[in-house]
Amino acid sequence: MRINPPSKMSFLIALILGILALVGNFVPTIPVIGVYEFWLAIAAYLVLAAGNTMKGF
């Protein structure tokens, strides 16, 4: 299996999801993001992993 660099769009999506997960963890006054912080971090990892393994994603 070849590993490719992720496209800019998949990297930006993963970055935004990761930042939302961090904000949900450190800012408890936002209840909607705080509930899903774990799943946002998992989604960011999966998007980044898909961007590395699939060409053009």
C-alpha atoms as a PDB file:
ATOM      1  CA  MET A   1       0.000   0.000   0.000  1.00  0.00           C
ATOM      2  CA  ARG A   2       1.332   3.399  -0.950  1.00  0.00           C
ATOM      3  CA  ILE A   3       0.894   6.359   1.313  1.00  0.00           C
ATOM      4  CA  ASN A   4       0.105   9.631  -0.445  1.00  0.00           C
ATOM      5  CA  PRO A   5       0.035  13.133   0.956  1.00  0.00           C
ATOM      6  CA  PRO A   6      -3.547  14.211   1.668  1.00  0.00           C
ATOM      7  CA  SER A   7      -5.198  16.803  -0.522  1.00  0.00           C
ATOM      8  CA  LYS A   8      -5.561  20.307   0.849  1.00  0.00           C
ATOM      9  CA  MET A   9      -9.315  19.887   1.251  1.00  0.00           C
ATOM     10  CA  SER A  10      -9.125  16.662   3.280  1.00  0.00           C
ATOM     11  CA  PHE A  11      -6.357  18.150   5.429  1.00  0.00           C
ATOM     12  CA  LEU A  12      -8.432  21.270   6.105  1.00  0.00           C
ATOM     13  CA  ILE A  13     -11.511  19.205   6.981  1.00  0.00           C
ATOM     14  CA  ALA A  14      -9.457  17.078   9.393  1.00  0.00           C
ATOM     15  CA  LEU A  15      -7.891  20.211  10.883  1.00  0.00           C
ATOM     16  CA  ILE A  16     -11.279  21.866  11.441  1.00  0.00           C
ATOM     17  CA  LEU A  17     -12.700  18.712  13.041  1.00  0.00           C
ATOM     18  CA  GLY A  18      -9.639  18.450  15.294  1.00  0.00           C
ATOM     19  CA  ILE A  19      -9.911  22.079  16.358  1.00  0.00           C
ATOM     20  CA  LEU A  20     -13.612  21.624  17.125  1.00  0.00           C
ATOM     21  CA  ALA A  21     -12.745  18.598  19.275  1.00  0.00           C
ATOM     22  CA  LEU A  22     -10.176  20.628  21.202  1.00  0.00           C
ATOM     23  CA  VAL A  23     -12.586  23.522  21.668  1.00  0.00           C
ATOM     24  CA  GLY A  24     -15.220  21.102  22.940  1.00  0.00           C
ATOM     25  CA  ASN A  25     -12.746  19.736  25.446  1.00  0.00           C
ATOM     26  CA  PHE A  26     -11.383  22.998  26.809  1.00  0.00           C
ATOM     27  CA  VAL A  27     -14.469  25.250  26.570  1.00  0.00           C
ATOM     28  CA  PRO A  28     -17.246  23.591  28.574  1.00  0.00           C
ATOM     29  CA  THR A  29     -19.729  26.407  27.901  1.00  0.00           C
ATOM     30  CA  ILE A  30     -20.458  25.067  24.385  1.00  0.00           C
ATOM     31  CA  PRO A  31     -22.658  22.054  25.125  1.00  0.00           C
ATOM     32  CA  VAL A  32     -23.242  20.880  21.547  1.00  0.00           C
ATOM     33  CA  ILE A  33     -19.565  20.459  20.702  1.00  0.00           C
ATOM     34  CA  GLY A  34     -18.636  19.190  24.157  1.00  0.00           C
ATOM     35  CA  VAL A  35     -20.926  16.191  23.862  1.00  0.00           C
ATOM     36  CA  TYR A  36     -19.327  15.038  20.606  1.00  0.00           C
ATOM     37  CA  GLU A  37     -15.667  15.955  21.220  1.00  0.00           C
ATOM     38  CA  PHE A  38     -14.490  12.335  21.163  1.00  0.00           C
ATOM     39  CA  TRP A  39     -16.330  11.560  17.939  1.00  0.00           C
ATOM     40  CA  LEU A  40     -15.053  14.749  16.306  1.00  0.00           C
ATOM     41  CA  ALA A  41     -11.490  13.695  17.093  1.00  0.00           C
ATOM     42  CA  ILE A  42     -12.134  10.201  15.683  1.00  0.00           C
ATOM     43  CA  ALA A  43     -13.683  11.697  12.541  1.00  0.00           C
ATOM     44  CA  ALA A  44     -10.669  14.001  12.098  1.00  0.00           C
ATOM     45  CA  TYR A  45      -8.324  11.029  12.347  1.00  0.00           C
ATOM     46  CA  LEU A  46     -10.364   8.966   9.882  1.00  0.00           C
ATOM     47  CA  VAL A  47     -10.536  11.787   7.332  1.00  0.00           C
ATOM     48  CA  LEU A  48      -6.794  12.298   7.565  1.00  0.00           C
ATOM     49  CA  ALA A  49      -6.110   8.552   7.330  1.00  0.00           C
ATOM     50  CA  ALA A  50      -8.386   8.276   4.290  1.00  0.00           C
ATOM     51  CA  GLY A  51      -6.611  11.227   2.706  1.00  0.00           C
ATOM     52  CA  ASN A  52      -3.268   9.488   3.181  1.00  0.00           C
ATOM     53  CA  THR A  53      -4.301   6.087   1.879  1.00  0.00           C
ATOM     54  CA  MET A  54      -6.590   7.039  -1.034  1.00  0.00           C
ATOM     55  CA  LYS A  55      -5.215   8.990  -3.948  1.00  0.00           C
ATOM     56  CA  GLY A  56      -7.169  12.154  -4.699  1.00  0.00           C
ATOM     57  CA  PHE A  57      -9.195  12.183  -1.489  1.00  0.00           C
END
